[in-house]
N, C-alpha and C. Protein backbone atom coordinates (compact mmCIF):
# COMPACT_ATOMS: atom_id res chain seq x y z
N MET A 1 -47.37 35.76 -82.47
CA MET A 1 -46.70 36.74 -81.63
C MET A 1 -47.44 38.08 -81.68
N LYS A 2 -47.80 38.59 -80.51
CA LYS A 2 -48.49 39.86 -80.45
C LYS A 2 -47.54 41.00 -80.79
N SER A 3 -48.10 42.09 -81.30
CA SER A 3 -47.29 43.24 -81.69
C SER A 3 -47.91 44.52 -81.16
N LEU A 4 -47.05 45.44 -80.69
CA LEU A 4 -47.53 46.73 -80.21
C LEU A 4 -48.22 47.52 -81.32
N ASP A 5 -47.85 47.24 -82.55
CA ASP A 5 -48.42 47.98 -83.68
C ASP A 5 -49.93 47.81 -83.78
N ASN A 6 -50.43 46.70 -83.24
CA ASN A 6 -51.86 46.41 -83.34
C ASN A 6 -52.65 46.80 -82.09
N ILE A 7 -51.97 47.42 -81.13
CA ILE A 7 -52.59 47.72 -79.84
C ILE A 7 -52.73 49.23 -79.64
N ARG A 8 -53.91 49.66 -79.23
CA ARG A 8 -54.15 51.07 -78.91
C ARG A 8 -53.96 51.27 -77.41
N VAL A 9 -53.11 52.22 -77.04
CA VAL A 9 -52.92 52.58 -75.63
C VAL A 9 -53.46 53.98 -75.47
N GLU A 10 -54.54 54.12 -74.71
CA GLU A 10 -55.25 55.40 -74.65
C GLU A 10 -55.86 55.65 -73.28
N VAL A 11 -56.31 56.87 -73.07
CA VAL A 11 -57.01 57.21 -71.83
C VAL A 11 -58.38 56.53 -71.87
N ALA A 12 -58.70 55.80 -70.80
CA ALA A 12 -59.96 55.06 -70.74
C ALA A 12 -61.14 56.00 -70.56
N SER A 13 -62.31 55.54 -70.99
CA SER A 13 -63.54 56.33 -70.88
C SER A 13 -64.72 55.39 -70.66
N GLU A 14 -65.92 55.93 -70.72
CA GLU A 14 -67.12 55.12 -70.47
C GLU A 14 -67.24 53.95 -71.45
N GLU A 15 -66.74 54.11 -72.64
CA GLU A 15 -66.86 53.03 -73.63
C GLU A 15 -66.08 51.78 -73.23
N HIS A 16 -65.19 51.92 -72.24
CA HIS A 16 -64.37 50.79 -71.82
C HIS A 16 -64.89 50.11 -70.55
N LEU A 17 -66.04 50.54 -70.05
CA LEU A 17 -66.59 49.96 -68.82
C LEU A 17 -66.84 48.46 -68.95
N LYS A 18 -67.07 48.00 -70.15
CA LYS A 18 -67.34 46.57 -70.38
C LYS A 18 -66.14 45.69 -70.06
N PHE A 19 -64.96 46.30 -69.89
CA PHE A 19 -63.76 45.52 -69.62
C PHE A 19 -63.41 45.43 -68.12
N VAL A 20 -64.17 46.10 -67.26
CA VAL A 20 -63.82 46.17 -65.84
C VAL A 20 -63.69 44.78 -65.21
N ASP A 21 -64.64 43.91 -65.44
CA ASP A 21 -64.58 42.57 -64.85
C ASP A 21 -63.37 41.79 -65.38
N ASP A 22 -63.08 41.93 -66.66
CA ASP A 22 -61.91 41.26 -67.24
C ASP A 22 -60.62 41.76 -66.60
N ILE A 23 -60.57 43.06 -66.34
CA ILE A 23 -59.38 43.65 -65.72
C ILE A 23 -59.18 43.08 -64.31
N ASN A 24 -60.25 43.05 -63.53
CA ASN A 24 -60.15 42.52 -62.17
C ASN A 24 -59.79 41.03 -62.16
N ASP A 25 -60.33 40.28 -63.10
CA ASP A 25 -60.00 38.86 -63.19
C ASP A 25 -58.52 38.67 -63.52
N ALA A 26 -57.99 39.52 -64.40
CA ALA A 26 -56.58 39.44 -64.77
C ALA A 26 -55.69 39.78 -63.57
N ILE A 27 -56.12 40.76 -62.77
CA ILE A 27 -55.38 41.12 -61.56
C ILE A 27 -55.34 39.95 -60.59
N ASP A 28 -56.48 39.30 -60.39
CA ASP A 28 -56.55 38.15 -59.48
C ASP A 28 -55.64 37.02 -59.96
N GLU A 29 -55.70 36.73 -61.24
CA GLU A 29 -54.91 35.63 -61.79
C GLU A 29 -53.42 35.88 -61.64
N ALA A 30 -53.00 37.11 -61.93
CA ALA A 30 -51.58 37.46 -61.82
C ALA A 30 -51.10 37.39 -60.37
N SER A 31 -51.94 37.86 -59.44
CA SER A 31 -51.57 37.85 -58.03
C SER A 31 -51.43 36.44 -57.49
N LYS A 32 -52.32 35.54 -57.91
CA LYS A 32 -52.27 34.15 -57.45
C LYS A 32 -51.03 33.44 -57.98
N LYS A 33 -50.66 33.72 -59.21
CA LYS A 33 -49.50 33.06 -59.80
C LYS A 33 -48.20 33.51 -59.15
N ARG A 34 -48.13 34.81 -58.81
CA ARG A 34 -46.91 35.34 -58.21
C ARG A 34 -46.88 35.20 -56.70
N GLY A 35 -48.05 34.97 -56.10
CA GLY A 35 -48.12 34.91 -54.65
C GLY A 35 -48.05 36.27 -54.01
N THR A 36 -48.13 37.29 -54.82
CA THR A 36 -48.09 38.67 -54.34
C THR A 36 -48.63 39.56 -55.44
N GLY A 37 -48.83 40.82 -55.13
CA GLY A 37 -49.26 41.71 -56.20
C GLY A 37 -50.31 42.71 -55.77
N ILE A 38 -50.93 43.36 -56.75
CA ILE A 38 -51.88 44.42 -56.49
C ILE A 38 -53.20 43.85 -55.99
N ALA A 39 -53.88 44.65 -55.21
CA ALA A 39 -55.15 44.22 -54.64
C ALA A 39 -56.29 44.42 -55.64
N ARG A 40 -57.28 43.55 -55.56
CA ARG A 40 -58.46 43.66 -56.41
C ARG A 40 -59.26 44.90 -56.00
N ARG A 41 -59.81 45.60 -56.97
CA ARG A 41 -60.65 46.76 -56.71
C ARG A 41 -62.10 46.43 -57.04
N THR A 42 -62.99 47.23 -56.54
CA THR A 42 -64.40 47.00 -56.84
C THR A 42 -64.72 47.47 -58.25
N TYR A 43 -65.83 46.96 -58.77
CA TYR A 43 -66.28 47.38 -60.10
C TYR A 43 -66.53 48.89 -60.11
N GLU A 44 -67.15 49.38 -59.04
CA GLU A 44 -67.48 50.81 -58.96
C GLU A 44 -66.22 51.67 -58.97
N TYR A 45 -65.19 51.20 -58.29
CA TYR A 45 -63.97 52.00 -58.20
C TYR A 45 -63.28 52.12 -59.56
N LEU A 46 -63.09 51.00 -60.23
CA LEU A 46 -62.42 51.04 -61.53
C LEU A 46 -63.25 51.77 -62.58
N SER A 47 -64.56 51.58 -62.52
CA SER A 47 -65.41 52.26 -63.49
C SER A 47 -65.38 53.77 -63.29
N SER A 48 -65.27 54.21 -62.03
CA SER A 48 -65.20 55.65 -61.76
C SER A 48 -63.91 56.24 -62.32
N LYS A 49 -62.82 55.47 -62.27
CA LYS A 49 -61.56 55.94 -62.83
C LYS A 49 -61.67 56.14 -64.34
N MET A 50 -62.36 55.22 -64.99
CA MET A 50 -62.55 55.34 -66.44
C MET A 50 -63.41 56.56 -66.77
N GLN A 51 -64.48 56.74 -66.02
CA GLN A 51 -65.40 57.85 -66.29
C GLN A 51 -64.77 59.21 -66.01
N GLU A 52 -63.80 59.24 -65.10
CA GLU A 52 -63.13 60.49 -64.75
C GLU A 52 -61.91 60.77 -65.63
N GLY A 53 -61.61 59.86 -66.55
CA GLY A 53 -60.44 60.04 -67.41
C GLY A 53 -59.14 59.88 -66.65
N LYS A 54 -59.15 59.00 -65.64
CA LYS A 54 -57.96 58.79 -64.81
C LYS A 54 -57.45 57.35 -64.92
N ALA A 55 -57.56 56.79 -66.10
CA ALA A 55 -57.07 55.43 -66.32
C ALA A 55 -56.54 55.29 -67.74
N ILE A 56 -55.62 54.36 -67.90
CA ILE A 56 -55.06 54.05 -69.21
C ILE A 56 -55.41 52.61 -69.54
N ILE A 57 -55.87 52.38 -70.75
CA ILE A 57 -56.22 51.03 -71.16
C ILE A 57 -55.57 50.71 -72.51
N ALA A 58 -55.18 49.46 -72.66
CA ALA A 58 -54.61 48.99 -73.92
C ALA A 58 -55.61 48.01 -74.54
N ILE A 59 -55.92 48.23 -75.80
CA ILE A 59 -56.95 47.45 -76.49
C ILE A 59 -56.41 46.91 -77.82
N GLU A 60 -56.70 45.65 -78.08
CA GLU A 60 -56.45 45.09 -79.41
C GLU A 60 -57.79 44.58 -79.93
N GLY A 61 -58.31 45.24 -80.94
CA GLY A 61 -59.63 44.88 -81.44
C GLY A 61 -60.67 45.12 -80.37
N GLU A 62 -61.32 44.05 -79.93
CA GLU A 62 -62.33 44.13 -78.87
C GLU A 62 -61.85 43.44 -77.60
N GLN A 63 -60.54 43.30 -77.45
CA GLN A 63 -60.00 42.62 -76.28
C GLN A 63 -59.10 43.54 -75.47
N PHE A 64 -59.31 43.54 -74.16
CA PHE A 64 -58.46 44.31 -73.26
C PHE A 64 -57.10 43.62 -73.15
N ALA A 65 -56.02 44.40 -73.25
CA ALA A 65 -54.67 43.85 -73.19
C ALA A 65 -53.91 44.30 -71.95
N GLY A 66 -54.21 45.50 -71.46
CA GLY A 66 -53.51 46.01 -70.29
C GLY A 66 -54.24 47.21 -69.71
N PHE A 67 -53.85 47.58 -68.48
CA PHE A 67 -54.59 48.63 -67.78
C PHE A 67 -53.74 49.24 -66.66
N CYS A 68 -54.05 50.48 -66.32
CA CYS A 68 -53.42 51.18 -65.21
C CYS A 68 -54.31 52.38 -64.88
N TYR A 69 -54.32 52.82 -63.62
CA TYR A 69 -55.11 54.00 -63.27
C TYR A 69 -54.32 54.91 -62.34
N ILE A 70 -54.77 56.15 -62.20
CA ILE A 70 -54.08 57.10 -61.33
C ILE A 70 -55.00 57.53 -60.19
N GLU A 71 -54.37 57.80 -59.04
CA GLU A 71 -55.07 58.25 -57.85
C GLU A 71 -54.33 59.45 -57.26
N THR A 72 -55.04 60.30 -56.54
CA THR A 72 -54.39 61.43 -55.87
C THR A 72 -54.58 61.31 -54.36
N TRP A 73 -53.56 61.79 -53.62
CA TRP A 73 -53.58 61.69 -52.16
C TRP A 73 -53.02 62.97 -51.55
N GLN A 74 -53.37 63.20 -50.28
CA GLN A 74 -52.90 64.37 -49.54
C GLN A 74 -53.14 65.66 -50.32
N GLU A 75 -54.40 65.91 -50.61
CA GLU A 75 -54.80 67.12 -51.33
C GLU A 75 -54.03 67.28 -52.64
N LYS A 76 -53.91 66.17 -53.35
CA LYS A 76 -53.27 66.11 -54.67
C LYS A 76 -51.77 66.39 -54.63
N GLY A 77 -51.18 66.27 -53.43
CA GLY A 77 -49.73 66.44 -53.33
C GLY A 77 -48.99 65.22 -53.85
N PHE A 78 -49.69 64.08 -53.85
CA PHE A 78 -49.11 62.83 -54.34
C PHE A 78 -50.05 62.21 -55.36
N VAL A 79 -49.46 61.62 -56.39
CA VAL A 79 -50.23 60.89 -57.40
C VAL A 79 -49.65 59.49 -57.50
N ALA A 80 -50.51 58.49 -57.50
CA ALA A 80 -50.06 57.11 -57.65
C ALA A 80 -50.54 56.55 -58.97
N ASN A 81 -49.63 55.90 -59.70
CA ASN A 81 -50.00 55.14 -60.88
C ASN A 81 -50.15 53.70 -60.41
N SER A 82 -51.37 53.24 -60.30
CA SER A 82 -51.65 51.97 -59.63
C SER A 82 -52.32 50.96 -60.56
N GLY A 83 -52.35 49.72 -60.07
CA GLY A 83 -53.11 48.68 -60.74
C GLY A 83 -52.60 48.26 -62.10
N LEU A 84 -51.30 48.42 -62.35
CA LEU A 84 -50.77 48.03 -63.66
C LEU A 84 -50.93 46.53 -63.88
N ILE A 85 -51.59 46.18 -64.96
CA ILE A 85 -51.77 44.78 -65.30
C ILE A 85 -51.68 44.61 -66.82
N VAL A 86 -50.97 43.59 -67.24
CA VAL A 86 -50.88 43.23 -68.65
C VAL A 86 -51.25 41.76 -68.77
N ARG A 87 -52.18 41.45 -69.64
CA ARG A 87 -52.58 40.05 -69.82
C ARG A 87 -51.38 39.23 -70.28
N GLU A 88 -51.36 37.99 -69.83
CA GLU A 88 -50.19 37.14 -70.04
C GLU A 88 -49.78 37.04 -71.50
N GLU A 89 -50.74 36.94 -72.40
CA GLU A 89 -50.40 36.77 -73.81
C GLU A 89 -49.83 38.03 -74.46
N TYR A 90 -49.88 39.15 -73.72
CA TYR A 90 -49.34 40.41 -74.25
C TYR A 90 -48.05 40.84 -73.56
N ARG A 91 -47.49 39.97 -72.76
CA ARG A 91 -46.26 40.32 -72.05
C ARG A 91 -45.04 40.06 -72.93
N GLY A 92 -43.99 40.83 -72.65
CA GLY A 92 -42.74 40.64 -73.37
C GLY A 92 -42.63 41.42 -74.67
N ILE A 93 -43.59 42.31 -74.94
CA ILE A 93 -43.54 43.10 -76.17
C ILE A 93 -43.42 44.60 -75.89
N GLY A 94 -43.24 44.95 -74.61
CA GLY A 94 -43.10 46.36 -74.26
C GLY A 94 -44.40 47.07 -73.94
N LEU A 95 -45.48 46.30 -73.76
CA LEU A 95 -46.77 46.94 -73.50
C LEU A 95 -46.83 47.59 -72.13
N ALA A 96 -46.26 46.94 -71.13
CA ALA A 96 -46.27 47.52 -69.78
C ALA A 96 -45.58 48.87 -69.78
N LYS A 97 -44.48 48.97 -70.49
CA LYS A 97 -43.75 50.23 -70.58
C LYS A 97 -44.59 51.30 -71.26
N ALA A 98 -45.30 50.91 -72.32
CA ALA A 98 -46.14 51.87 -73.05
C ALA A 98 -47.27 52.38 -72.16
N ILE A 99 -47.87 51.48 -71.37
CA ILE A 99 -48.96 51.87 -70.47
C ILE A 99 -48.43 52.78 -69.36
N LYS A 100 -47.31 52.40 -68.76
CA LYS A 100 -46.73 53.21 -67.69
C LYS A 100 -46.35 54.60 -68.19
N LYS A 101 -45.80 54.66 -69.38
CA LYS A 101 -45.41 55.95 -69.94
C LYS A 101 -46.63 56.83 -70.15
N LYS A 102 -47.70 56.23 -70.67
CA LYS A 102 -48.94 56.98 -70.91
C LYS A 102 -49.54 57.46 -69.59
N ALA A 103 -49.51 56.60 -68.57
CA ALA A 103 -50.05 56.97 -67.25
C ALA A 103 -49.21 58.08 -66.62
N PHE A 104 -47.91 58.00 -66.81
CA PHE A 104 -47.00 59.02 -66.29
C PHE A 104 -47.29 60.37 -66.95
N GLU A 105 -47.45 60.35 -68.27
CA GLU A 105 -47.76 61.58 -69.00
C GLU A 105 -49.10 62.17 -68.58
N LEU A 106 -50.08 61.30 -68.36
CA LEU A 106 -51.40 61.76 -67.91
C LEU A 106 -51.31 62.39 -66.52
N SER A 107 -50.53 61.77 -65.65
CA SER A 107 -50.35 62.30 -64.29
C SER A 107 -49.67 63.66 -64.32
N ARG A 108 -48.64 63.79 -65.14
CA ARG A 108 -47.91 65.06 -65.23
C ARG A 108 -48.80 66.16 -65.82
N LYS A 109 -49.66 65.77 -66.75
CA LYS A 109 -50.55 66.75 -67.38
C LYS A 109 -51.62 67.23 -66.40
N LYS A 110 -52.23 66.30 -65.67
CA LYS A 110 -53.30 66.65 -64.75
C LYS A 110 -52.78 67.28 -63.46
N TYR A 111 -51.63 66.81 -62.99
CA TYR A 111 -51.10 67.26 -61.70
C TYR A 111 -49.60 67.57 -61.83
N PRO A 112 -49.26 68.66 -62.52
CA PRO A 112 -47.85 68.95 -62.83
C PRO A 112 -46.94 69.18 -61.62
N ASN A 113 -47.51 69.54 -60.48
CA ASN A 113 -46.68 69.83 -59.31
C ASN A 113 -46.70 68.71 -58.27
N SER A 114 -47.39 67.63 -58.57
CA SER A 114 -47.51 66.53 -57.61
C SER A 114 -46.36 65.53 -57.74
N LYS A 115 -46.03 64.92 -56.63
CA LYS A 115 -45.06 63.83 -56.64
C LYS A 115 -45.79 62.56 -57.09
N ILE A 116 -45.14 61.78 -57.93
CA ILE A 116 -45.75 60.56 -58.46
C ILE A 116 -45.04 59.36 -57.83
N PHE A 117 -45.81 58.42 -57.31
CA PHE A 117 -45.18 57.29 -56.63
C PHE A 117 -45.92 56.00 -56.94
N GLY A 118 -45.30 54.91 -56.54
CA GLY A 118 -45.93 53.61 -56.73
C GLY A 118 -45.26 52.56 -55.87
N LEU A 119 -45.96 51.46 -55.67
CA LEU A 119 -45.43 50.30 -54.97
C LEU A 119 -45.43 49.13 -55.94
N THR A 120 -44.35 48.38 -55.96
CA THR A 120 -44.30 47.24 -56.88
C THR A 120 -43.37 46.16 -56.35
N THR A 121 -43.66 44.92 -56.74
CA THR A 121 -42.76 43.81 -56.44
C THR A 121 -42.05 43.35 -57.71
N GLY A 122 -42.44 43.91 -58.84
CA GLY A 122 -41.92 43.45 -60.13
C GLY A 122 -40.66 44.17 -60.57
N LEU A 123 -39.63 43.40 -60.89
CA LEU A 123 -38.37 43.98 -61.36
C LEU A 123 -38.56 44.75 -62.66
N ALA A 124 -39.41 44.22 -63.54
CA ALA A 124 -39.65 44.88 -64.83
C ALA A 124 -40.27 46.26 -64.61
N VAL A 125 -41.22 46.35 -63.67
CA VAL A 125 -41.87 47.63 -63.38
C VAL A 125 -40.87 48.60 -62.76
N MET A 126 -40.00 48.09 -61.88
CA MET A 126 -38.97 48.94 -61.28
C MET A 126 -38.07 49.54 -62.36
N LYS A 127 -37.73 48.72 -63.34
CA LYS A 127 -36.87 49.20 -64.43
C LYS A 127 -37.58 50.28 -65.23
N ILE A 128 -38.86 50.07 -65.53
CA ILE A 128 -39.63 51.06 -66.28
C ILE A 128 -39.72 52.36 -65.49
N ASN A 129 -40.02 52.24 -64.19
CA ASN A 129 -40.12 53.43 -63.34
C ASN A 129 -38.81 54.20 -63.33
N HIS A 130 -37.71 53.47 -63.24
CA HIS A 130 -36.40 54.12 -63.23
C HIS A 130 -36.17 54.91 -64.52
N GLU A 131 -36.56 54.34 -65.64
CA GLU A 131 -36.40 55.01 -66.93
C GLU A 131 -37.26 56.27 -67.02
N LEU A 132 -38.37 56.28 -66.29
CA LEU A 132 -39.26 57.45 -66.29
C LEU A 132 -38.80 58.53 -65.31
N GLY A 133 -37.82 58.20 -64.47
CA GLY A 133 -37.30 59.19 -63.53
C GLY A 133 -37.62 58.92 -62.08
N TYR A 134 -38.27 57.79 -61.80
CA TYR A 134 -38.55 57.41 -60.41
C TYR A 134 -37.26 57.00 -59.71
N ARG A 135 -37.28 57.09 -58.38
CA ARG A 135 -36.18 56.59 -57.57
C ARG A 135 -36.73 55.77 -56.40
N PRO A 136 -36.01 54.74 -55.98
CA PRO A 136 -36.47 53.96 -54.83
C PRO A 136 -36.38 54.79 -53.55
N VAL A 137 -37.40 54.73 -52.73
CA VAL A 137 -37.43 55.50 -51.48
C VAL A 137 -38.01 54.65 -50.36
N THR A 138 -37.83 55.10 -49.14
CA THR A 138 -38.45 54.42 -48.01
C THR A 138 -39.94 54.75 -47.99
N PHE A 139 -40.72 53.91 -47.34
CA PHE A 139 -42.16 54.13 -47.29
C PHE A 139 -42.52 55.45 -46.61
N SER A 140 -41.65 55.93 -45.72
CA SER A 140 -41.94 57.18 -45.01
C SER A 140 -41.95 58.38 -45.94
N GLU A 141 -41.38 58.24 -47.14
CA GLU A 141 -41.35 59.34 -48.10
C GLU A 141 -42.55 59.33 -49.03
N LEU A 142 -43.39 58.31 -48.89
CA LEU A 142 -44.60 58.23 -49.70
C LEU A 142 -45.74 58.92 -48.96
N THR A 143 -46.91 58.90 -49.54
CA THR A 143 -48.05 59.56 -48.90
C THR A 143 -48.35 58.98 -47.52
N LEU A 144 -48.79 59.83 -46.62
CA LEU A 144 -49.18 59.40 -45.28
C LEU A 144 -50.68 59.14 -45.20
N ASP A 145 -51.36 59.32 -46.30
CA ASP A 145 -52.82 59.19 -46.34
C ASP A 145 -53.24 57.75 -46.02
N ASP A 146 -54.01 57.59 -44.95
CA ASP A 146 -54.44 56.25 -44.54
C ASP A 146 -55.30 55.56 -45.60
N GLN A 147 -56.03 56.35 -46.37
CA GLN A 147 -56.90 55.76 -47.39
C GLN A 147 -56.08 55.04 -48.45
N PHE A 148 -54.90 55.58 -48.76
CA PHE A 148 -54.05 54.88 -49.73
C PHE A 148 -53.63 53.52 -49.19
N TRP A 149 -53.16 53.50 -47.95
CA TRP A 149 -52.65 52.27 -47.38
C TRP A 149 -53.75 51.25 -47.13
N LYS A 150 -54.98 51.72 -46.96
CA LYS A 150 -56.10 50.79 -46.82
C LYS A 150 -56.29 49.99 -48.10
N GLY A 151 -55.86 50.57 -49.21
CA GLY A 151 -55.97 49.86 -50.48
C GLY A 151 -55.12 48.61 -50.55
N CYS A 152 -54.16 48.49 -49.62
CA CYS A 152 -53.29 47.31 -49.58
C CYS A 152 -53.94 46.14 -48.84
N GLN A 153 -55.09 46.38 -48.24
CA GLN A 153 -55.72 45.34 -47.42
C GLN A 153 -56.11 44.11 -48.22
N GLY A 154 -56.33 44.28 -49.51
CA GLY A 154 -56.70 43.14 -50.35
C GLY A 154 -55.51 42.35 -50.85
N CYS A 155 -54.29 42.79 -50.52
CA CYS A 155 -53.08 42.09 -50.96
C CYS A 155 -52.78 40.93 -50.01
N VAL A 156 -52.25 39.84 -50.56
CA VAL A 156 -51.95 38.66 -49.74
C VAL A 156 -50.84 38.93 -48.73
N ASN A 157 -50.08 40.00 -48.91
CA ASN A 157 -48.97 40.30 -48.00
C ASN A 157 -49.28 41.44 -47.03
N HIS A 158 -50.55 41.78 -46.91
CA HIS A 158 -50.91 42.92 -46.07
C HIS A 158 -50.47 42.74 -44.62
N ASP A 159 -50.44 41.51 -44.13
CA ASP A 159 -50.04 41.28 -42.74
C ASP A 159 -48.60 41.73 -42.48
N ILE A 160 -47.74 41.62 -43.50
CA ILE A 160 -46.34 42.06 -43.34
C ILE A 160 -46.30 43.57 -43.15
N LEU A 161 -47.09 44.28 -43.94
CA LEU A 161 -47.15 45.73 -43.84
C LEU A 161 -47.62 46.16 -42.45
N GLU A 162 -48.61 45.44 -41.92
CA GLU A 162 -49.14 45.77 -40.60
C GLU A 162 -48.14 45.46 -39.50
N ARG A 163 -47.47 44.31 -39.61
CA ARG A 163 -46.51 43.90 -38.57
C ARG A 163 -45.32 44.85 -38.47
N THR A 164 -44.98 45.48 -39.58
CA THR A 164 -43.81 46.37 -39.59
C THR A 164 -44.20 47.83 -39.38
N GLY A 165 -45.44 48.06 -38.97
CA GLY A 165 -45.86 49.44 -38.73
C GLY A 165 -45.86 50.28 -39.99
N ARG A 166 -46.16 49.63 -41.11
CA ARG A 166 -46.24 50.30 -42.42
C ARG A 166 -44.90 50.88 -42.85
N SER A 167 -43.82 50.28 -42.38
CA SER A 167 -42.49 50.78 -42.75
C SER A 167 -41.86 49.98 -43.88
N LYS A 168 -42.34 48.76 -44.11
CA LYS A 168 -41.78 47.93 -45.17
C LYS A 168 -42.73 46.80 -45.52
N CYS A 169 -42.52 46.23 -46.69
CA CYS A 169 -43.28 45.08 -47.13
C CYS A 169 -42.48 44.42 -48.25
N LEU A 170 -43.08 43.54 -49.02
CA LEU A 170 -42.37 42.94 -50.15
C LEU A 170 -42.28 43.92 -51.32
N CYS A 171 -43.15 44.92 -51.32
CA CYS A 171 -43.12 45.93 -52.37
C CYS A 171 -41.96 46.92 -52.16
N THR A 172 -41.51 47.49 -53.26
CA THR A 172 -40.53 48.57 -53.22
C THR A 172 -41.26 49.88 -53.53
N GLY A 173 -41.03 50.89 -52.71
CA GLY A 173 -41.62 52.20 -52.96
C GLY A 173 -40.75 52.98 -53.92
N MET A 174 -41.36 53.60 -54.93
CA MET A 174 -40.61 54.40 -55.89
C MET A 174 -41.31 55.75 -56.07
N LEU A 175 -40.51 56.79 -56.24
CA LEU A 175 -41.04 58.15 -56.25
C LEU A 175 -40.42 58.98 -57.37
N TYR A 176 -41.26 59.82 -57.99
CA TYR A 176 -40.79 60.83 -58.93
C TYR A 176 -41.20 62.18 -58.36
N ASP A 177 -40.24 63.08 -58.21
CA ASP A 177 -40.51 64.42 -57.68
C ASP A 177 -40.24 65.43 -58.79
N PRO A 178 -41.25 66.21 -59.22
CA PRO A 178 -41.02 67.19 -60.29
C PRO A 178 -39.96 68.21 -59.95
N ALA A 179 -39.67 68.39 -58.66
CA ALA A 179 -38.62 69.34 -58.26
C ALA A 179 -37.26 68.90 -58.76
N TRP A 180 -37.09 67.60 -59.00
CA TRP A 180 -35.82 67.10 -59.51
C TRP A 180 -35.53 67.60 -60.91
N GLU A 181 -36.57 68.02 -61.62
CA GLU A 181 -36.39 68.51 -62.99
C GLU A 181 -36.10 70.00 -63.02
N LYS A 182 -36.12 70.65 -61.85
CA LYS A 182 -35.83 72.08 -61.78
C LYS A 182 -34.40 72.24 -61.28
N PRO A 183 -33.46 72.57 -62.16
CA PRO A 183 -32.04 72.56 -61.80
C PRO A 183 -31.61 73.61 -60.79
N VAL A 184 -32.32 74.74 -60.72
CA VAL A 184 -31.86 75.81 -59.83
C VAL A 184 -33.02 76.38 -59.02
N VAL A 185 -32.82 76.49 -57.71
CA VAL A 185 -33.78 77.13 -56.82
C VAL A 185 -33.01 78.10 -55.94
N ASN A 186 -33.30 79.39 -56.08
CA ASN A 186 -32.59 80.42 -55.31
C ASN A 186 -31.08 80.33 -55.49
N GLY A 187 -30.68 79.99 -56.71
CA GLY A 187 -29.26 79.94 -57.01
C GLY A 187 -28.58 78.64 -56.63
N SER A 188 -29.30 77.73 -55.96
CA SER A 188 -28.69 76.48 -55.52
C SER A 188 -29.31 75.31 -56.28
N PRO A 189 -28.48 74.50 -56.93
CA PRO A 189 -29.02 73.35 -57.67
C PRO A 189 -29.59 72.31 -56.72
N ILE A 190 -30.68 71.66 -57.16
CA ILE A 190 -31.27 70.57 -56.38
C ILE A 190 -30.50 69.30 -56.68
N LYS A 191 -30.06 68.64 -55.65
CA LYS A 191 -29.32 67.40 -55.84
C LYS A 191 -30.27 66.26 -56.12
N LYS A 192 -30.06 65.58 -57.23
CA LYS A 192 -30.87 64.42 -57.55
C LYS A 192 -30.34 63.22 -56.78
N ARG A 193 -31.23 62.60 -56.02
CA ARG A 193 -30.81 61.48 -55.19
C ARG A 193 -30.73 60.20 -56.01
N SER A 194 -29.72 59.42 -55.73
CA SER A 194 -29.58 58.12 -56.35
C SER A 194 -29.77 57.06 -55.28
N LEU A 195 -29.73 55.80 -55.68
CA LEU A 195 -29.87 54.71 -54.72
C LEU A 195 -28.75 54.76 -53.69
N LEU A 196 -27.55 55.20 -54.09
CA LEU A 196 -26.43 55.28 -53.16
C LEU A 196 -26.70 56.28 -52.05
N ASP A 197 -27.44 57.34 -52.38
CA ASP A 197 -27.78 58.34 -51.36
C ASP A 197 -28.70 57.77 -50.30
N LEU A 198 -29.47 56.74 -50.68
CA LEU A 198 -30.45 56.18 -49.76
C LEU A 198 -29.88 55.09 -48.86
N ILE A 199 -28.70 54.57 -49.21
CA ILE A 199 -28.13 53.45 -48.47
C ILE A 199 -27.99 53.74 -46.97
N PRO A 200 -27.49 54.93 -46.57
CA PRO A 200 -27.34 55.19 -45.13
C PRO A 200 -28.65 55.09 -44.36
N ARG A 201 -29.78 55.39 -45.03
CA ARG A 201 -31.06 55.34 -44.33
C ARG A 201 -31.70 53.96 -44.41
N ILE A 202 -31.55 53.31 -45.57
CA ILE A 202 -32.19 52.01 -45.75
C ILE A 202 -31.36 50.89 -45.14
N LYS A 203 -30.03 50.96 -45.33
CA LYS A 203 -29.12 49.93 -44.82
C LYS A 203 -27.97 50.61 -44.07
N PRO A 204 -28.22 51.12 -42.86
CA PRO A 204 -27.16 51.84 -42.12
C PRO A 204 -25.93 51.00 -41.87
N GLY A 205 -26.10 49.69 -41.65
CA GLY A 205 -24.96 48.82 -41.42
C GLY A 205 -24.04 48.76 -42.61
N LEU A 206 -24.62 48.73 -43.80
CA LEU A 206 -23.84 48.69 -45.03
C LEU A 206 -23.06 49.98 -45.22
N ALA A 207 -23.68 51.10 -44.87
CA ALA A 207 -23.01 52.39 -45.00
C ALA A 207 -21.82 52.48 -44.06
N ASN A 208 -21.97 51.98 -42.82
CA ASN A 208 -20.87 52.01 -41.86
C ASN A 208 -19.70 51.16 -42.32
N LYS A 209 -20.02 50.00 -42.91
CA LYS A 209 -18.97 49.12 -43.42
C LYS A 209 -18.19 49.81 -44.53
N LYS A 210 -18.92 50.53 -45.40
CA LYS A 210 -18.28 51.24 -46.49
C LYS A 210 -17.34 52.32 -45.96
N ASN A 211 -17.79 53.06 -44.93
CA ASN A 211 -16.96 54.12 -44.36
C ASN A 211 -15.69 53.57 -43.73
N LYS A 212 -15.80 52.40 -43.07
CA LYS A 212 -14.62 51.79 -42.45
C LYS A 212 -13.58 51.42 -43.50
N LEU A 213 -14.06 50.88 -44.62
CA LEU A 213 -13.15 50.50 -45.70
C LEU A 213 -12.45 51.72 -46.28
N LEU A 214 -13.19 52.82 -46.41
CA LEU A 214 -12.60 54.04 -46.95
C LEU A 214 -11.54 54.59 -46.01
N ASN A 215 -11.80 54.52 -44.69
CA ASN A 215 -10.84 55.03 -43.72
C ASN A 215 -9.56 54.20 -43.71
N ARG A 216 -9.68 52.90 -43.92
CA ARG A 216 -8.50 52.03 -43.96
C ARG A 216 -7.59 52.37 -45.13
N ASN A 217 -8.20 52.80 -46.22
CA ASN A 217 -7.43 53.07 -47.43
C ASN A 217 -6.81 54.47 -47.46
N LYS A 218 -7.10 55.28 -46.44
CA LYS A 218 -6.54 56.63 -46.42
C LYS A 218 -5.05 56.61 -46.06
């Protein structure tokens, strides 16, 4: 049984370039097994993230255990924690959460005023994101940068994204806004949105049904 105690979770650097191919192979394997998932990146792209100090890697001895990287969009107004992958033999011990937390901290340190977002199909990742302060949002609230969405072209479900005019896919969009941590602006508290706040926009029919039931009970 693997243990977190034996794994280093740290900011990646040039010394970790030797793991790039292993990381991409792990991404491919996970995507094929699930029938969905993150798109494969080029060697040059992932290596640049390591060299720029914009990636998190988990290492046990001389073996890569997990990985994640950060990207910026719309003049650094948005930051994405992307490409989260944990090798199969290291799953179930909390490593994904440790990597996501480290990536979140790195994003907040480098870009304290940026909104942090991500796309995921994994329930476990959604739970981790929620614990970090993310909230589910519609795709329209994420970055409008075409370069970000081009990164989805390598995903097996890209045709769904195209058919829906980039409004939905199998992934769930999640967002963290640093403004939510500022309780008062000009004397008025910022309301933190919950999933219930999003229902009228995401599922208008469900919201109408709820209102009818409330009116009947008055």
